[in-house]
Amino acid sequence: MKKEDAISYIEDFMSMLFQRIDSRPIRRIILFGSVARGDFDEHSDIDLFIDLFDGRGTDAIREKIERLKFDFEGLKKSKWKARGVDFDIAYAIGDLESDEWKPLRRSITSAGIVLYGKFDYRPEEAIHYTMVRYEFGKLKPKKKMVIIRKLFGYSKAAGGKVYRKEGLLKQMGGKKLRKGMFIVPTQKTSEVLDFLKDSGVKFQLQEIWGERSIEE
């Protein structure tokens, strides 16, 4: 199963979530665990942390999420099961910055992906990444291919040999996450973003903190 399928599945759940729940008490929603790390399988859960500003209203929000999970089963059956995607949603809820969640906080911040809000917590020796979501819009197919080859590189067979051209993202220490999304060390984003701007590609940025290189 592809990580992009799991992310799209989560986005559907998040869309329903914010139709049902007032977002004002929510500081962040963080994806953590095997799906965030990329080592998941068909038996894995989607692990979410619903981080509240002061921890108040936890029971009321939990009750709404439980009802949402029940209603989400309908969408899961009609849209996702046919694609072989059938994750259970597991979640924790509370004030992540409180002492109650200190044992879990480092695990979440080391490899978590912020789906909503901004991650201000910075673990020791943290590496700062920028996650880039991009879309080509109305660009012509030929132009799209030029951009993809420049970003991610390509290989070409000639004379019985295979020649590989390294992409800009690899040169900058970045990594493709799924179609339309990649991450790159923040201190090296300028060249990548300048290329996207010059190419007419629309994009959105989000900060991520990790404790190890994405190339490891």
Protein backbone atom coordinates (compact mmCIF):
# COMPACT_ATOMS: atom_id res chain seq x y z
CA MET A 1 0.00 0.00 0.00
CA LYS A 2 1.32 3.45 -0.95
CA LYS A 3 1.85 6.18 1.60
CA GLU A 4 -0.01 8.60 -0.66
CA ASP A 5 -3.16 6.44 -0.28
CA ALA A 6 -2.84 6.58 3.50
CA ILE A 7 -2.38 10.37 3.45
CA SER A 8 -5.40 10.84 1.17
CA TYR A 9 -7.44 8.62 3.50
CA ILE A 10 -6.42 10.79 6.47
CA GLU A 11 -7.29 13.96 4.54
CA ASP A 12 -10.83 12.64 4.02
CA PHE A 13 -11.16 12.00 7.76
CA MET A 14 -9.76 15.46 8.56
CA SER A 15 -12.23 17.08 6.19
CA MET A 16 -15.14 15.47 8.03
CA LEU A 17 -13.54 16.30 11.38
CA PHE A 18 -13.53 20.05 10.80
CA GLN A 19 -17.09 20.00 9.54
CA ARG A 20 -18.17 18.61 12.92
CA ILE A 21 -15.77 20.13 15.45
CA ASP A 22 -14.96 23.72 16.43
CA SER A 23 -11.27 24.11 15.62
CA ARG A 24 -10.61 26.93 18.11
CA PRO A 25 -9.64 24.70 21.08
CA ILE A 26 -7.28 22.68 18.85
CA ARG A 27 -3.63 23.70 18.77
CA ARG A 28 -2.43 20.94 16.43
CA ILE A 29 -3.39 17.62 14.94
CA ILE A 30 -0.37 15.39 14.48
CA LEU A 31 0.03 12.15 12.57
CA PHE A 32 2.52 9.86 14.29
CA GLY A 33 3.40 6.18 14.43
CA SER A 34 4.03 3.80 11.54
CA VAL A 35 2.16 5.76 8.85
CA ALA A 36 4.12 8.94 9.63
CA ARG A 37 7.38 6.98 9.55
CA GLY A 38 6.41 5.15 6.36
CA ASP A 39 6.85 1.62 7.75
CA PHE A 40 3.14 0.75 7.89
CA ASP A 41 1.19 -2.13 6.35
CA GLU A 42 -2.47 -3.04 5.80
CA HIS A 43 -2.84 -3.96 9.48
CA SER A 44 -1.57 -0.62 10.81
CA ASP A 45 -3.69 2.03 12.49
CA ILE A 46 -3.79 5.71 11.68
CA ASP A 47 -2.36 7.30 14.85
CA LEU A 48 -3.44 10.89 15.50
CA PHE A 49 -2.78 13.20 18.42
CA ILE A 50 -5.43 15.90 18.94
CA ASP A 51 -3.46 18.58 20.79
CA LEU A 52 -5.63 21.04 22.75
CA PHE A 53 -4.49 24.44 23.99
CA ASP A 54 -5.29 23.80 27.64
CA GLY A 55 -6.74 20.31 27.73
CA ARG A 56 -10.22 21.54 28.59
CA GLY A 57 -13.20 20.17 26.73
CA THR A 58 -11.44 16.86 26.14
CA ASP A 59 -14.46 14.69 26.89
CA ALA A 60 -16.79 16.68 24.63
CA ILE A 61 -14.37 16.57 21.70
CA ARG A 62 -13.69 12.88 22.25
CA GLU A 63 -17.43 12.18 22.12
CA LYS A 64 -17.73 14.02 18.79
CA ILE A 65 -14.75 12.15 17.34
CA GLU A 66 -16.27 8.82 18.30
CA ARG A 67 -19.47 9.72 16.47
CA LEU A 68 -17.41 10.92 13.52
CA LYS A 69 -15.52 7.63 13.37
CA PHE A 70 -18.84 5.79 13.17
CA ASP A 71 -20.07 8.04 10.34
CA PHE A 72 -16.72 7.78 8.55
CA GLU A 73 -17.33 4.05 8.13
CA GLY A 74 -19.83 4.89 5.37
CA LEU A 75 -17.26 6.81 3.35
CA LYS A 76 -14.68 4.14 4.03
CA LYS A 77 -16.93 1.44 2.59
CA SER A 78 -18.03 3.43 -0.47
CA LYS A 79 -14.67 4.94 -1.42
CA TRP A 80 -11.73 3.27 0.25
CA LYS A 81 -12.35 -0.44 0.77
CA ALA A 82 -12.58 -0.97 -2.98
CA ARG A 83 -9.02 0.39 -3.18
CA GLY A 84 -7.80 -1.94 -0.47
CA VAL A 85 -7.51 0.84 2.11
CA ASP A 86 -9.15 0.03 5.45
CA PHE A 87 -7.30 1.69 8.33
CA ASP A 88 -8.69 2.07 11.81
CA ILE A 89 -8.38 5.56 13.29
CA ALA A 90 -6.64 5.55 16.68
CA TYR A 91 -6.18 8.82 18.53
CA ALA A 92 -5.04 10.43 21.75
CA ILE A 93 -6.33 13.79 22.92
CA GLY A 94 -5.04 16.35 25.42
CA ASP A 95 -2.50 19.14 25.92
CA LEU A 96 0.70 17.76 24.40
CA GLU A 97 2.79 20.38 26.19
CA SER A 98 1.58 19.28 29.63
CA ASP A 99 3.55 16.91 31.86
CA GLU A 100 0.92 14.22 31.32
CA TRP A 101 2.12 13.67 27.76
CA LYS A 102 5.85 14.21 28.29
CA PRO A 103 6.77 10.50 27.75
CA LEU A 104 4.93 10.45 24.42
CA ARG A 105 5.88 13.95 23.28
CA ARG A 106 9.41 13.14 22.14
CA SER A 107 8.20 10.16 20.10
CA ILE A 108 5.55 12.27 18.42
CA THR A 109 7.83 15.21 17.69
CA SER A 110 10.69 13.09 16.34
CA ALA A 111 8.77 11.68 13.38
CA GLY A 112 5.31 13.21 13.53
CA ILE A 113 3.67 15.08 10.67
CA VAL A 114 1.61 18.13 11.56
CA LEU A 115 -1.70 17.93 9.72
CA TYR A 116 -3.16 21.05 11.33
CA GLY A 117 -1.50 23.90 13.22
CA LYS A 118 2.15 24.72 13.70
CA PHE A 119 4.82 22.72 15.51
CA ASP A 120 6.70 25.05 17.87
CA TYR A 121 8.26 22.31 20.02
CA ARG A 122 11.87 21.64 19.00
CA PRO A 123 13.64 18.57 20.36
CA GLU A 124 17.38 18.65 20.93
CA GLU A 125 19.44 18.26 17.77
CA ALA A 126 16.27 18.68 15.73
CA ILE A 127 16.48 18.98 11.96
CA HIS A 128 14.15 21.54 10.45
CA TYR A 129 12.36 20.50 7.26
CA THR A 130 9.86 22.20 5.02
CA MET A 131 7.08 20.10 3.56
CA VAL A 132 5.99 21.33 0.14
CA ARG A 133 2.61 20.54 -1.40
CA TYR A 134 2.50 21.53 -5.04
CA GLU A 135 0.14 21.40 -8.01
CA PHE A 136 0.68 22.04 -11.70
CA GLY A 137 -2.67 23.67 -12.38
CA LYS A 138 -3.13 24.28 -16.10
CA LEU A 139 0.49 23.73 -17.13
CA LYS A 140 0.91 21.76 -20.34
CA PRO A 141 2.00 18.09 -20.10
CA LYS A 142 5.38 18.79 -21.70
CA LYS A 143 6.08 21.53 -19.17
CA LYS A 144 5.02 19.25 -16.31
CA MET A 145 7.46 16.56 -17.46
CA VAL A 146 10.33 19.06 -17.58
CA ILE A 147 9.56 20.11 -14.00
CA ILE A 148 9.29 16.53 -12.73
CA ARG A 149 12.61 15.55 -14.33
CA LYS A 150 14.31 18.62 -12.87
CA LEU A 151 12.93 17.98 -9.38
CA PHE A 152 13.27 14.21 -9.09
CA GLY A 153 15.81 13.28 -11.76
CA TYR A 154 15.51 10.61 -14.41
CA SER A 155 17.27 7.66 -16.01
CA LYS A 156 17.99 7.07 -19.68
CA ALA A 157 19.18 3.95 -21.48
CA ALA A 158 21.70 4.42 -24.31
CA GLY A 159 24.30 2.15 -25.86
CA GLY A 160 23.51 -0.68 -23.49
CA LYS A 161 24.06 1.52 -20.45
CA VAL A 162 21.70 3.32 -18.10
CA TYR A 163 22.50 6.93 -17.32
CA ARG A 164 20.96 8.58 -14.27
CA LYS A 165 20.54 12.28 -13.74
CA GLU A 166 20.16 13.36 -10.12
CA GLY A 167 17.27 15.70 -9.43
CA LEU A 168 17.35 19.03 -7.64
CA LEU A 169 15.51 17.56 -4.66
CA LYS A 170 18.14 14.87 -4.12
CA GLN A 171 20.92 17.43 -4.39
CA MET A 172 19.28 19.51 -1.66
CA GLY A 173 18.86 16.52 0.68
CA GLY A 174 15.11 16.33 0.16
CA LYS A 175 12.76 13.42 -0.39
CA LYS A 176 9.51 12.78 -2.26
CA LEU A 177 6.68 11.74 0.08
CA ARG A 178 3.95 11.13 -2.47
CA LYS A 179 2.54 12.62 -5.64
CA GLY A 180 2.39 16.37 -5.18
CA MET A 181 4.36 16.42 -1.92
CA PHE A 182 8.01 16.42 -0.84
CA ILE A 183 10.18 17.60 2.05
CA VAL A 184 13.53 19.37 1.99
CA PRO A 185 15.83 20.74 4.74
CA THR A 186 14.57 24.27 5.41
CA GLN A 187 17.97 25.90 5.06
CA LYS A 188 18.13 24.57 1.49
CA THR A 189 14.62 25.38 0.32
CA SER A 190 15.31 28.64 -1.50
CA GLU A 191 16.65 27.08 -4.72
CA VAL A 192 13.80 24.57 -4.91
CA LEU A 193 11.13 27.19 -4.23
CA ASP A 194 12.65 29.64 -6.71
CA PHE A 195 12.50 26.91 -9.35
CA LEU A 196 8.82 26.22 -8.59
CA LYS A 197 7.97 29.93 -8.76
CA ASP A 198 9.83 30.43 -12.04
CA SER A 199 8.06 27.37 -13.48
CA GLY A 200 4.59 28.61 -12.58
CA VAL A 201 3.94 25.86 -10.03
CA LYS A 202 1.58 26.64 -7.14
CA PHE A 203 2.68 25.40 -3.72
CA GLN A 204 2.00 25.50 0.02
CA LEU A 205 4.57 25.13 2.81
CA GLN A 206 4.50 23.50 6.22
CA GLU A 207 7.22 23.15 8.86
CA ILE A 208 8.35 19.75 10.16
CA TRP A 209 10.90 18.94 12.86
CA GLY A 210 12.75 15.63 12.87
CA GLU A 211 15.61 14.13 14.89
CA ARG A 212 17.31 12.21 12.10
CA SER A 213 18.16 12.74 8.47
CA ILE A 214 15.51 11.68 5.97
CA GLU A 215 18.31 10.10 3.94
CA GLU A 216 19.18 7.58 6.65
